[in-house]
Amino acid sequence: MTIEIKLGDVVRLRKVHPCGSYEWEVVRVGADIGLKCLKCRRKVLLARDVFGRRVKEFVSKVTN
């Protein structure tokens, strides 16, 4: 099963970031998923399969 991911989506991950935030914005979609922490603005890249395991829920979805 694949997850529909678009730029600008806000997701909540299962584990807390060291800054204390759970929420991330999707800034890149491809083989890797680029995420930006909404609290400290740190950017990370996750492989698509790792992202699928770590995502807990979509906080907001972009509608196109």
C-alpha atoms as a PDB file:
ATOM      1  CA  MET A   1       0.000   0.000   0.000  1.00  0.00           C
ATOM      2  CA  THR A   2       1.379   3.405  -0.945  1.00  0.00           C
ATOM      3  CA  ILE A   3       0.663   6.651   0.869  1.00  0.00           C
ATOM      4  CA  GLU A   4      -0.472   9.678  -1.159  1.00  0.00           C
ATOM      5  CA  ILE A   5       2.080  12.384  -0.282  1.00  0.00           C
ATOM      6  CA  LYS A   6       2.131  15.939  -1.655  1.00  0.00           C
ATOM      7  CA  LEU A   7       4.309  18.975  -1.068  1.00  0.00           C
ATOM      8  CA  GLY A   8       3.002  21.050   1.824  1.00  0.00           C
ATOM      9  CA  ASP A   9       1.322  18.178   3.697  1.00  0.00           C
ATOM     10  CA  VAL A  10       1.834  18.309   7.464  1.00  0.00           C
ATOM     11  CA  VAL A  11       2.404  14.942   9.142  1.00  0.00           C
ATOM     12  CA  ARG A  12       2.776  13.759  12.722  1.00  0.00           C
ATOM     13  CA  LEU A  13       5.529  11.180  13.288  1.00  0.00           C
ATOM     14  CA  ARG A  14       5.529   8.458  15.942  1.00  0.00           C
ATOM     15  CA  LYS A  15       8.615   9.664  17.826  1.00  0.00           C
ATOM     16  CA  VAL A  16       9.261  13.162  19.126  1.00  0.00           C
ATOM     17  CA  HIS A  17      12.044  15.278  17.584  1.00  0.00           C
ATOM     18  CA  PRO A  18      14.749  16.381  20.080  1.00  0.00           C
ATOM     19  CA  CYS A  19      13.315  19.935  19.952  1.00  0.00           C
ATOM     20  CA  GLY A  20       9.982  18.596  21.290  1.00  0.00           C
ATOM     21  CA  SER A  21       7.853  18.690  18.130  1.00  0.00           C
ATOM     22  CA  TYR A  22       5.973  15.828  16.471  1.00  0.00           C
ATOM     23  CA  GLU A  23       4.840  17.761  13.386  1.00  0.00           C
ATOM     24  CA  TRP A  24       6.701  18.000  10.074  1.00  0.00           C
ATOM     25  CA  GLU A  25       5.992  19.610   6.693  1.00  0.00           C
ATOM     26  CA  VAL A  26       6.714  17.688   3.476  1.00  0.00           C
ATOM     27  CA  VAL A  27       9.186  19.749   1.403  1.00  0.00           C
ATOM     28  CA  ARG A  28      10.381  17.120  -1.110  1.00  0.00           C
ATOM     29  CA  VAL A  29       8.721  14.116  -2.740  1.00  0.00           C
ATOM     30  CA  GLY A  30      10.662  11.510  -4.689  1.00  0.00           C
ATOM     31  CA  ALA A  31      12.584   8.365  -3.817  1.00  0.00           C
ATOM     32  CA  ASP A  32      13.254  10.132  -0.504  1.00  0.00           C
ATOM     33  CA  ILE A  33      10.781  12.256   1.423  1.00  0.00           C
ATOM     34  CA  GLY A  34      12.104  15.618   2.616  1.00  0.00           C
ATOM     35  CA  LEU A  35      10.674  16.865   5.895  1.00  0.00           C
ATOM     36  CA  LYS A  36      11.019  20.170   7.760  1.00  0.00           C
ATOM     37  CA  CYS A  37      10.349  20.369  11.512  1.00  0.00           C
ATOM     38  CA  LEU A  38       7.678  22.982  12.193  1.00  0.00           C
ATOM     39  CA  LYS A  39       9.248  24.039  15.505  1.00  0.00           C
ATOM     40  CA  CYS A  40      13.012  24.295  14.868  1.00  0.00           C
ATOM     41  CA  ARG A  41      13.001  24.277  10.997  1.00  0.00           C
ATOM     42  CA  ARG A  42      15.498  21.374  10.825  1.00  0.00           C
ATOM     43  CA  LYS A  43      15.358  19.482   7.499  1.00  0.00           C
ATOM     44  CA  VAL A  44      15.784  15.718   7.146  1.00  0.00           C
ATOM     45  CA  LEU A  45      15.473  13.159   4.342  1.00  0.00           C
ATOM     46  CA  LEU A  46      13.779   9.816   4.935  1.00  0.00           C
ATOM     47  CA  ALA A  47      13.573   6.916   2.523  1.00  0.00           C
ATOM     48  CA  ARG A  48       9.991   6.373   1.369  1.00  0.00           C
ATOM     49  CA  ASP A  49       9.638   3.023   3.185  1.00  0.00           C
ATOM     50  CA  VAL A  50      11.059   4.470   6.436  1.00  0.00           C
ATOM     51  CA  PHE A  51       8.669   7.423   6.155  1.00  0.00           C
ATOM     52  CA  GLY A  52       5.751   5.007   5.740  1.00  0.00           C
ATOM     53  CA  ARG A  53       6.687   3.226   8.968  1.00  0.00           C
ATOM     54  CA  ARG A  54       7.269   6.418  10.988  1.00  0.00           C
ATOM     55  CA  VAL A  55       4.226   8.476   9.998  1.00  0.00           C
ATOM     56  CA  LYS A  56       1.390   8.350  12.525  1.00  0.00           C
ATOM     57  CA  GLU A  57      -1.185  10.617  10.892  1.00  0.00           C
ATOM     58  CA  PHE A  58      -1.696  13.485   8.467  1.00  0.00           C
ATOM     59  CA  VAL A  59      -2.428  16.733  10.328  1.00  0.00           C
ATOM     60  CA  SER A  60      -3.344  18.619   7.160  1.00  0.00           C
ATOM     61  CA  LYS A  61      -3.412  17.613   3.508  1.00  0.00           C
ATOM     62  CA  VAL A  62      -2.892  19.896   0.542  1.00  0.00           C
ATOM     63  CA  THR A  63      -5.816  19.803  -1.868  1.00  0.00           C
ATOM     64  CA  ASN A  64      -5.059  20.283  -5.550  1.00  0.00           C
END
